[in-house]
Protein backbone atom coordinates (compact mmCIF):
# COMPACT_ATOMS: atom_id res chain seq x y z
CA MET A 1 9.92 1.33 17.68
CA ALA A 2 6.21 0.63 18.20
CA ALA A 3 5.14 -2.41 20.18
CA GLY A 4 5.61 -5.70 18.37
CA ALA A 5 7.24 -4.10 15.34
CA HIS A 6 10.28 -5.46 13.57
CA ALA A 7 12.75 -3.56 11.46
CA VAL A 8 11.28 -1.98 8.35
CA ASP A 9 12.25 0.99 6.25
CA SER A 10 10.88 4.21 7.76
CA SER A 11 8.97 5.28 4.63
CA GLU A 12 5.36 4.34 4.00
CA HIS A 13 6.57 2.20 1.11
CA GLY A 14 9.10 0.38 3.30
CA ILE A 15 10.06 -3.23 2.70
CA ALA A 16 9.85 -5.62 5.63
CA VAL A 17 12.68 -7.89 6.71
CA LEU A 18 12.14 -11.63 6.72
CA PRO A 19 10.16 -12.81 9.74
CA GLU A 20 11.47 -15.39 12.19
CA PRO A 21 11.15 -19.03 11.03
CA ARG A 22 8.52 -21.29 12.61
CA GLY A 23 9.72 -24.73 11.60
CA PRO A 24 11.92 -26.72 9.20
CA VAL A 25 10.34 -25.37 5.99
CA THR A 26 10.69 -21.70 6.91
CA GLU A 27 14.16 -22.32 8.34
CA ALA A 28 15.35 -23.79 5.03
CA LEU A 29 13.55 -21.18 2.93
CA PHE A 30 14.75 -18.16 4.90
CA ALA A 31 18.33 -19.42 4.99
CA ALA A 32 18.23 -19.75 1.20
CA LEU A 33 16.64 -16.32 0.66
CA ALA A 34 19.51 -14.72 2.58
CA GLY A 35 21.91 -15.81 -0.16
CA GLU A 36 22.26 -15.88 -3.93
CA PRO A 37 19.27 -17.25 -5.88
CA GLY A 38 19.68 -20.91 -6.71
CA PRO A 39 18.73 -24.45 -5.71
CA PHE A 40 18.45 -25.20 -2.00
CA PRO A 41 17.58 -28.29 0.04
CA ALA A 42 13.95 -27.72 1.03
CA PRO A 43 12.54 -30.33 3.42
CA ARG A 44 9.45 -32.39 2.72
CA VAL A 45 6.28 -30.48 3.59
CA ALA A 46 4.94 -32.57 6.46
CA VAL A 47 2.14 -30.91 8.40
CA GLY A 48 -0.86 -31.70 10.54
CA ASP A 49 -3.63 -29.37 9.37
CA PRO A 50 -2.42 -27.29 6.41
CA LEU A 51 -5.04 -24.63 7.17
CA THR A 52 -3.57 -23.81 10.57
CA ASP A 53 0.06 -24.94 10.35
CA ASP A 54 2.35 -22.03 11.25
CA ASP A 55 5.34 -23.32 9.29
CA LEU A 56 3.40 -23.99 6.09
CA GLN A 57 1.36 -20.81 6.10
CA LEU A 58 4.32 -18.53 6.88
CA ALA A 59 6.45 -20.21 4.19
CA LEU A 60 3.62 -19.79 1.67
CA TYR A 61 3.07 -16.16 2.73
CA VAL A 62 6.78 -15.41 2.19
CA CYS A 63 6.82 -17.19 -1.19
CA TYR A 64 3.87 -15.05 -2.28
CA GLU A 65 5.39 -11.88 -0.86
CA LEU A 66 8.30 -12.31 -3.29
CA HIS A 67 5.70 -11.38 -5.97
CA TYR A 68 4.44 -8.33 -4.04
CA ARG A 69 7.04 -6.11 -2.35
CA GLY A 70 9.76 -8.62 -1.50
CA PHE A 71 11.97 -8.35 1.56
CA SER A 72 14.87 -6.17 2.58
CA GLY A 73 18.13 -7.99 1.87
CA VAL A 74 16.48 -10.61 -0.36
CA ASP A 75 17.54 -10.63 -4.01
CA ASP A 76 14.57 -9.84 -6.30
CA ARG A 77 15.63 -12.68 -8.59
CA TRP A 78 14.22 -15.13 -6.02
CA GLU A 79 10.75 -14.22 -7.32
CA TRP A 80 11.14 -16.47 -10.36
CA GLN A 81 13.85 -18.82 -9.12
CA PRO A 82 12.76 -22.41 -9.93
CA ALA A 83 13.62 -23.69 -6.44
CA SER A 84 11.42 -21.16 -4.65
CA LEU A 85 8.62 -21.74 -7.19
CA ASP A 86 8.90 -25.50 -6.66
CA LEU A 87 8.54 -25.08 -2.90
CA ARG A 88 5.63 -22.71 -3.38
CA GLY A 89 3.91 -25.25 -5.60
CA ARG A 90 4.29 -28.00 -3.01
CA LEU A 91 2.91 -25.75 -0.27
CA GLU A 92 0.00 -24.71 -2.48
CA ARG A 93 -0.92 -28.31 -3.23
CA GLU A 94 -1.17 -29.11 0.48
CA PHE A 95 -3.18 -25.95 1.15
CA GLU A 96 -5.56 -26.30 -1.79
CA ALA A 97 -6.22 -29.99 -1.13
CA ALA A 98 -7.13 -29.21 2.49
CA LEU A 99 -9.45 -26.40 1.39
CA ARG A 100 -11.22 -28.59 -1.15
CA ASP A 101 -11.59 -31.38 1.38
CA ARG A 102 -12.93 -29.09 4.11
CA PHE A 103 -15.19 -26.89 1.96
CA ALA A 104 -16.71 -29.14 -0.72
CA VAL A 105 -19.35 -27.61 -3.01
CA PRO A 106 -21.88 -28.95 -5.56
CA ASP A 107 -21.10 -29.06 -9.26
CA GLY A 108 -23.24 -28.50 -12.34
CA LEU A 109 -25.29 -25.53 -11.16
CA GLY A 110 -26.50 -22.91 -13.63
CA ASP A 111 -25.58 -19.25 -13.36
CA ARG A 112 -28.84 -18.30 -11.63
CA GLU A 113 -28.41 -21.13 -9.14
CA VAL A 114 -24.87 -19.97 -8.39
CA VAL A 115 -26.08 -16.41 -7.78
CA ALA A 116 -28.78 -17.79 -5.47
CA ALA A 117 -26.24 -19.95 -3.63
CA LEU A 118 -23.87 -17.01 -3.12
CA THR A 119 -26.75 -14.85 -1.89
CA HIS A 120 -27.76 -17.56 0.59
CA MET A 121 -24.15 -17.91 1.74
CA ALA A 122 -23.83 -14.16 2.28
CA ASN A 123 -27.10 -14.00 4.23
CA GLN A 124 -25.98 -16.50 6.88
CA PRO A 125 -25.35 -15.01 10.35
CA GLY A 126 -21.63 -15.71 10.16
CA PRO A 127 -19.19 -15.56 13.09
CA PRO A 128 -20.17 -13.06 15.81
CA LEU A 129 -16.77 -11.32 15.83
CA THR A 130 -17.79 -7.94 14.44
CA ARG A 131 -20.90 -7.85 16.62
CA TYR A 132 -18.63 -8.32 19.63
CA LEU A 133 -16.35 -5.54 18.37
CA ARG A 134 -19.38 -3.27 18.05
CA GLU A 135 -20.85 -4.00 21.46
CA ALA A 136 -18.17 -5.11 23.92
CA ALA A 137 -14.56 -5.13 22.71
CA THR A 138 -11.99 -3.28 24.78
CA LEU A 139 -9.45 -0.97 23.21
CA GLU A 140 -6.77 -3.66 23.51
CA GLU A 141 -9.04 -6.22 21.83
CA MET A 142 -9.73 -3.76 19.03
CA ARG A 143 -5.98 -3.29 18.58
CA ASP A 144 -5.58 -7.08 18.50
CA TYR A 145 -8.19 -7.27 15.75
CA LEU A 146 -6.47 -4.58 13.69
CA VAL A 147 -3.13 -6.39 13.94
CA HIS A 148 -4.73 -9.66 12.82
CA ARG A 149 -6.35 -7.99 9.82
CA SER A 150 -3.30 -5.91 8.87
CA ALA A 151 -1.66 -8.65 6.77
CA TYR A 152 -4.75 -8.63 4.53
CA GLN A 153 -5.86 -5.01 4.65
CA LEU A 154 -2.46 -3.42 3.99
CA LYS A 155 -2.41 -5.15 0.60
CA GLU A 156 -6.23 -5.28 0.33
CA ALA A 157 -6.93 -5.07 -3.43
CA ASP A 158 -3.55 -6.33 -4.65
CA PRO A 159 -4.30 -10.11 -4.68
CA HIS A 160 -7.40 -9.53 -6.81
CA ALA A 161 -5.41 -7.42 -9.26
CA TRP A 162 -3.58 -10.55 -10.44
CA ALA A 163 -6.91 -11.76 -11.85
CA ILE A 164 -7.53 -8.74 -14.11
CA PRO A 165 -5.65 -10.08 -17.18
CA ARG A 166 -7.31 -13.46 -16.63
CA MET A 167 -10.81 -12.00 -17.19
CA THR A 168 -12.46 -10.75 -20.36
CA GLY A 169 -15.51 -8.71 -21.29
CA LYS A 170 -18.10 -7.88 -18.64
CA ALA A 171 -16.27 -9.82 -15.92
CA LYS A 172 -13.07 -7.84 -16.49
CA ALA A 173 -14.92 -4.52 -16.53
CA ALA A 174 -16.67 -5.40 -13.27
CA LEU A 175 -13.43 -6.42 -11.56
CA LEU A 176 -11.76 -3.21 -12.67
CA GLU A 177 -14.69 -1.13 -11.40
CA VAL A 178 -14.37 -2.65 -7.94
CA GLU A 179 -10.57 -2.39 -7.96
CA PHE A 180 -10.64 1.27 -9.01
CA ASP A 181 -12.61 2.14 -5.87
CA GLU A 182 -10.30 0.03 -3.70
CA TYR A 183 -7.37 2.06 -5.02
CA GLY A 184 -9.00 5.34 -4.09
CA SER A 185 -10.63 6.16 -7.46
CA GLY A 186 -7.42 7.90 -8.52
CA ARG A 187 -6.74 9.62 -5.17
CA ALA A 188 -3.69 8.19 -3.43
CA GLU A 189 -4.80 9.37 0.01
CA ARG A 190 -8.09 7.44 -0.38
CA ILE A 191 -6.52 4.08 -1.25
CA HIS A 192 -8.18 1.71 1.16
CA ALA A 193 -4.87 0.34 2.43
CA VAL A 194 -3.88 3.92 3.28
CA LEU A 195 -7.15 4.40 5.19
CA TYR A 196 -6.38 1.22 7.14
CA ARG A 197 -2.94 2.58 8.00
CA ASN A 198 -4.66 5.69 9.35
CA THR A 199 -6.81 3.50 11.59
CA MET A 200 -3.76 1.68 12.92
CA ASP A 201 -2.00 4.98 13.56
CA ALA A 202 -5.04 6.30 15.44
CA LEU A 203 -4.87 3.31 17.79
CA GLY A 204 -1.14 3.62 18.41
CA LEU A 205 -0.07 0.70 16.24
CA ASP A 206 2.82 0.53 13.78
CA SER A 207 1.13 0.80 10.39
CA ARG A 208 4.14 0.01 8.21
CA TYR A 209 3.71 -2.83 5.74
CA GLY A 210 4.66 -6.24 7.13
CA THR A 211 5.36 -5.04 10.66
CA TYR A 212 3.29 -7.62 12.50
CA VAL A 213 3.80 -10.75 10.40
CA ASP A 214 5.84 -12.37 13.19
CA ALA A 215 2.89 -12.02 15.57
CA ILE A 216 0.15 -13.24 13.25
CA PRO A 217 -0.70 -16.97 13.56
CA GLY A 218 -0.70 -19.29 10.56
CA LEU A 219 -4.49 -19.59 10.46
CA VAL A 220 -4.79 -15.83 10.00
CA LEU A 221 -2.04 -15.79 7.36
CA ALA A 222 -4.14 -18.39 5.54
CA THR A 223 -6.85 -15.74 5.01
CA VAL A 224 -4.27 -13.77 3.02
CA ASN A 225 -2.69 -16.74 1.28
CA ILE A 226 -5.98 -18.06 -0.04
CA VAL A 227 -6.65 -14.85 -2.00
CA SER A 228 -3.07 -14.69 -3.31
CA MET A 229 -3.36 -18.29 -4.48
CA PHE A 230 -6.69 -17.68 -6.22
CA GLY A 231 -5.47 -14.49 -7.87
CA MET A 232 -2.12 -15.80 -9.08
CA HIS A 233 -3.42 -18.90 -10.87
CA ARG A 234 -5.35 -18.56 -14.11
CA ARG A 235 -7.07 -21.91 -13.45
CA LEU A 236 -8.49 -20.40 -10.21
CA ARG A 237 -9.86 -17.19 -11.76
CA ALA A 238 -13.44 -18.34 -11.07
CA ALA A 239 -12.52 -19.01 -7.42
CA VAL A 240 -11.23 -15.46 -6.98
CA ALA A 241 -14.47 -14.15 -8.50
CA GLY A 242 -16.49 -16.15 -5.99
CA GLN A 243 -14.27 -15.05 -3.10
CA LEU A 244 -14.51 -11.40 -4.03
CA ALA A 245 -18.27 -11.57 -4.51
CA VAL A 246 -19.05 -13.12 -1.13
CA SER A 247 -16.52 -10.83 0.55
CA GLU A 248 -18.18 -7.74 -0.90
CA MET A 249 -21.66 -9.06 -0.11
CA THR A 250 -20.84 -9.47 3.60
CA SER A 251 -18.58 -6.45 3.99
CA ALA A 252 -20.91 -3.49 4.57
CA LEU A 253 -22.54 -4.76 7.77
CA ALA A 254 -19.28 -6.12 9.17
CA ASN A 255 -17.50 -2.82 8.59
CA LYS A 256 -20.39 -0.85 10.06
CA ASN A 257 -20.11 -2.97 13.20
CA VAL A 258 -16.38 -2.27 13.57
CA GLY A 259 -16.80 1.45 12.88
CA ASP A 260 -19.54 1.66 15.51
CA GLY A 261 -17.31 -0.19 17.95
CA LEU A 262 -14.51 2.29 17.42
CA ARG A 263 -16.93 5.17 18.00
CA ARG A 264 -18.16 3.47 21.19
CA LEU A 265 -14.55 3.58 22.39
CA GLY A 266 -14.43 7.33 21.76
CA LEU A 267 -12.31 7.23 18.59
CA GLY A 268 -12.84 9.73 15.79
CA ASP A 269 -12.86 9.91 12.01
CA SER A 270 -9.20 9.00 11.51
CA ALA A 271 -9.94 5.64 13.13
CA THR A 272 -13.34 4.99 11.57
CA ASP A 273 -12.84 6.33 8.02
CA PHE A 274 -11.67 2.99 6.60
CA PHE A 275 -14.74 1.16 7.91
CA ASP A 276 -17.20 3.92 7.04
CA GLU A 277 -15.81 4.03 3.49
CA HIS A 278 -16.48 0.31 3.09
CA VAL A 279 -20.06 0.64 4.29
CA ILE A 280 -20.69 2.99 1.38
CA ALA A 281 -18.49 1.41 -1.29
CA ASP A 282 -19.35 -2.22 -0.66
CA SER A 283 -23.07 -1.52 -0.74
CA VAL A 284 -22.49 -0.95 -4.46
CA HIS A 285 -19.63 -3.40 -5.01
CA ASP A 286 -21.68 -6.38 -3.84
CA MET A 287 -24.08 -6.28 -6.78
CA ILE A 288 -21.32 -5.49 -9.28
CA ALA A 289 -19.28 -8.47 -8.06
CA LEU A 290 -22.28 -10.80 -7.94
CA HIS A 291 -24.10 -10.01 -11.18
CA ASP A 292 -21.42 -8.51 -13.44
CA LEU A 293 -18.23 -10.27 -12.29
CA VAL A 294 -19.61 -13.70 -11.36
CA GLY A 295 -22.59 -13.54 -13.71
CA GLY A 296 -20.46 -12.27 -16.58
CA LEU A 297 -17.85 -14.96 -16.02
CA LEU A 298 -20.43 -17.76 -15.89
CA ARG A 299 -22.08 -16.58 -19.09
CA GLN A 300 -18.68 -16.85 -20.75
CA ASP A 301 -17.84 -20.18 -19.09
CA PRO A 302 -20.80 -22.09 -17.64
CA THR A 303 -18.45 -24.87 -16.49
CA ALA A 304 -16.89 -22.52 -13.89
CA SER A 305 -19.83 -22.70 -11.46
CA ALA A 306 -18.23 -25.13 -9.00
CA GLU A 307 -15.02 -23.09 -8.88
CA VAL A 308 -16.96 -19.90 -8.14
CA LEU A 309 -18.70 -21.63 -5.24
CA PHE A 310 -15.45 -23.18 -4.04
CA GLY A 311 -13.78 -19.77 -3.86
CA ALA A 312 -16.69 -18.35 -1.90
CA ALA A 313 -17.08 -21.32 0.46
CA ALA A 314 -13.37 -21.70 1.14
CA TRP A 315 -12.93 -17.98 1.85
CA THR A 316 -16.01 -17.84 4.09
CA GLY A 317 -14.89 -20.95 5.94
CA ILE A 318 -11.27 -19.92 6.57
CA ASP A 319 -12.34 -16.41 7.57
CA ALA A 320 -14.84 -17.88 10.06
CA MET A 321 -12.12 -20.12 11.51
CA SER A 322 -9.89 -17.07 11.96
CA ALA A 323 -12.70 -15.11 13.64
CA ASP A 324 -13.47 -18.03 15.95
CA HIS A 325 -9.81 -18.21 16.95
CA LEU A 326 -9.75 -14.56 17.89
CA LEU A 327 -13.01 -14.63 19.85
CA GLY A 328 -12.07 -17.89 21.55
CA CYS A 329 -8.77 -16.48 22.78
CA TRP A 330 -10.46 -13.37 24.17
CA ARG A 331 -13.12 -15.40 25.96
CA LYS A 332 -10.47 -17.63 27.58
CA GLY A 333 -8.21 -14.71 28.42
CA GLU A 334 -5.44 -16.12 26.22
CA PRO A 335 -3.25 -14.16 23.77
CA SER A 336 -4.52 -14.34 20.20
CA LEU A 337 -1.18 -13.26 18.72
CA ARG A 338 2.08 -15.15 18.75
CA PRO A 339 4.74 -13.98 21.20
CA VAL A 340 7.32 -11.78 19.50
CA ASP A 341 10.92 -12.24 20.61
CA ARG A 342 12.64 -9.29 19.00
CA ASN A 343 15.32 -6.98 20.34
CA ASP A 344 12.81 -4.55 21.83
CA GLY A 345 11.16 -7.39 23.78
CA HIS A 346 7.64 -6.11 23.17
CA THR A 347 4.50 -7.96 22.22
CA PRO A 348 1.96 -6.41 19.86
CA THR A 349 -0.40 -5.40 22.65
CA ASP A 350 2.13 -3.90 25.09
């Protein structure tokens, strides 16, 4: 078994087992998921910072994962079991309230002002993580980075797909145009999540879905949870449009930096293809997401401007916090991933 991996089915479509609990909420949730669907005594969600809390973010990640691929040994009926949905709702309220408090945005802007605000947001320097990856990262640091990003990239377009039936007209067409490219434009081998698996394989990592969840800290899981939350709630459809727009607008340069860093380390096309693909694709996606998705949505619903900006600001902020964590650990010589205590005794960077 590859370093840091836990038991998953050997096929590329394998289903992960439940990760190890990180506190009272995940202990109660995971114990319940091991049995028949039904009510269970879930503890009160008491946390310090909901954006970084390991117990909260892992519990929320697992609740969301019931709507994606599920877990080996967990009954699929848990997906819509009222008790698990109730817990998910309580976790979401803590998470969303913290995001809104931390990343407040103005209200009452017109559609042109929102486009200008998103453009300004995307043109900020941002965290220096990908510049470091381009210029100085070691192979082990690059592997660290890929593990951190795997929880997001191995499901990449899926959280946004929840929003498709929540859009209409030009906004829906724009979202579908972006999603079609993310899913390989009809070619299974070009699905972006598959390209990311190829990168992980090229660097000797275990690319199976869900392999490294145990090692990924709560703050990094929050970068996945925020998009799942936006996509799964109709009331947050404008937030997912803002998140996707600012993500696409900042993606090309960031991915070019990582691809160049991999080439600096002597790695070839199988490692860089994912990042090179995004340099090309996202140079087109950014304008589609900004003008057709966000612009189309705001023309349909001018009252959605604050939610668009909230989605963009919250995503940018939580992603920057995650990047700062990773860079800070490297600079201090500290591990950026959680220790994994599995039967093989490995850590993700062994």
